Amino acid sequence: MKEIEVVIDTEEIAEFFYNELVRRGFVPTEREIEEIADIMFDYLIEKSIIDEEVIDE
């Protein structure tokens, strides 16, 4: 299996979830959406879909 590098940004996850929830009739607070993004990131790590690595900008 080929390994590829993927960069996942929790801010991008948060924006995606916010837009999807609003589209479905929900209005989450900024704090709620940040928590959802963090949970999603933790889930991806737990399932070994991604490895957490800090990238210096």
C-alpha atoms as a PDB file:
ATOM      1  CA  MET A   1       0.000   0.000   0.000  1.00  0.00           C
ATOM      2  CA  LYS A   2       1.320   3.437  -0.920  1.00  0.00           C
ATOM      3  CA  GLU A   3       1.634   6.038   1.824  1.00  0.00           C
ATOM      4  CA  ILE A   4       0.521   9.585   1.074  1.00  0.00           C
ATOM      5  CA  GLU A   5       0.827  12.755   3.101  1.00  0.00           C
ATOM      6  CA  VAL A   6      -2.434  14.451   4.033  1.00  0.00           C
ATOM      7  CA  VAL A   7      -2.716  17.663   6.018  1.00  0.00           C
ATOM      8  CA  ILE A   8      -5.884  17.952   8.083  1.00  0.00           C
ATOM      9  CA  ASP A   9      -6.733  21.325   9.578  1.00  0.00           C
ATOM     10  CA  THR A  10      -9.215  21.409  12.463  1.00  0.00           C
ATOM     11  CA  GLU A  11     -10.343  24.869  11.340  1.00  0.00           C
ATOM     12  CA  GLU A  12     -11.240  23.386   7.963  1.00  0.00           C
ATOM     13  CA  ILE A  13     -13.086  20.535   9.696  1.00  0.00           C
ATOM     14  CA  ALA A  14     -14.952  23.065  11.851  1.00  0.00           C
ATOM     15  CA  GLU A  15     -15.999  25.101   8.824  1.00  0.00           C
ATOM     16  CA  PHE A  16     -17.186  21.969   7.014  1.00  0.00           C
ATOM     17  CA  PHE A  17     -19.283  20.798   9.974  1.00  0.00           C
ATOM     18  CA  TYR A  18     -20.683  24.278  10.559  1.00  0.00           C
ATOM     19  CA  ASN A  19     -21.809  24.589   6.946  1.00  0.00           C
ATOM     20  CA  GLU A  20     -23.329  21.093   6.923  1.00  0.00           C
ATOM     21  CA  LEU A  21     -25.166  21.612  10.218  1.00  0.00           C
ATOM     22  CA  VAL A  22     -26.569  24.973   9.097  1.00  0.00           C
ATOM     23  CA  ARG A  23     -27.646  23.421   5.794  1.00  0.00           C
ATOM     24  CA  ARG A  24     -29.535  20.789   7.811  1.00  0.00           C
ATOM     25  CA  GLY A  25     -31.277  23.348   9.996  1.00  0.00           C
ATOM     26  CA  PHE A  26     -28.984  23.470  13.031  1.00  0.00           C
ATOM     27  CA  VAL A  27     -27.257  26.590  14.327  1.00  0.00           C
ATOM     28  CA  PRO A  28     -24.251  25.532  16.414  1.00  0.00           C
ATOM     29  CA  THR A  29     -22.234  27.996  18.465  1.00  0.00           C
ATOM     30  CA  GLU A  30     -18.585  28.595  17.633  1.00  0.00           C
ATOM     31  CA  ARG A  31     -17.585  26.682  20.786  1.00  0.00           C
ATOM     32  CA  GLU A  32     -19.775  23.699  19.835  1.00  0.00           C
ATOM     33  CA  ILE A  33     -18.386  23.507  16.331  1.00  0.00           C
ATOM     34  CA  GLU A  34     -14.791  23.694  17.600  1.00  0.00           C
ATOM     35  CA  GLU A  35     -15.532  20.796  19.950  1.00  0.00           C
ATOM     36  CA  ILE A  36     -17.029  18.759  17.095  1.00  0.00           C
ATOM     37  CA  ALA A  37     -13.935  19.407  14.955  1.00  0.00           C
ATOM     38  CA  ASP A  38     -11.632  18.341  17.795  1.00  0.00           C
ATOM     39  CA  ILE A  39     -13.681  15.179  18.347  1.00  0.00           C
ATOM     40  CA  MET A  40     -13.494  14.351  14.638  1.00  0.00           C
ATOM     41  CA  PHE A  41      -9.719  14.860  14.638  1.00  0.00           C
ATOM     42  CA  ASP A  42      -9.349  12.618  17.713  1.00  0.00           C
ATOM     43  CA  TYR A  43     -11.521   9.985  16.027  1.00  0.00           C
ATOM     44  CA  LEU A  44      -9.307   9.952  12.925  1.00  0.00           C
ATOM     45  CA  ILE A  45      -6.231   9.486  15.133  1.00  0.00           C
ATOM     46  CA  GLU A  46      -7.891   6.747  17.225  1.00  0.00           C
ATOM     47  CA  LYS A  47      -8.846   4.813  14.088  1.00  0.00           C
ATOM     48  CA  SER A  48      -5.277   5.182  12.750  1.00  0.00           C
ATOM     49  CA  ILE A  49      -6.566   7.017   9.702  1.00  0.00           C
ATOM     50  CA  ILE A  50      -4.110   9.810  10.428  1.00  0.00           C
ATOM     51  CA  ASP A  51      -1.052  10.351  12.634  1.00  0.00           C
ATOM     52  CA  GLU A  52      -0.768  13.555  14.578  1.00  0.00           C
ATOM     53  CA  GLU A  53       2.274  15.522  13.491  1.00  0.00           C
ATOM     54  CA  VAL A  54       2.883  19.192  14.123  1.00  0.00           C
ATOM     55  CA  ILE A  55       4.034  21.043  11.020  1.00  0.00           C
ATOM     56  CA  ASP A  56       6.013  24.249  11.467  1.00  0.00           C
ATOM     57  CA  GLU A  57       4.665  27.000   9.252  1.00  0.00           C
END
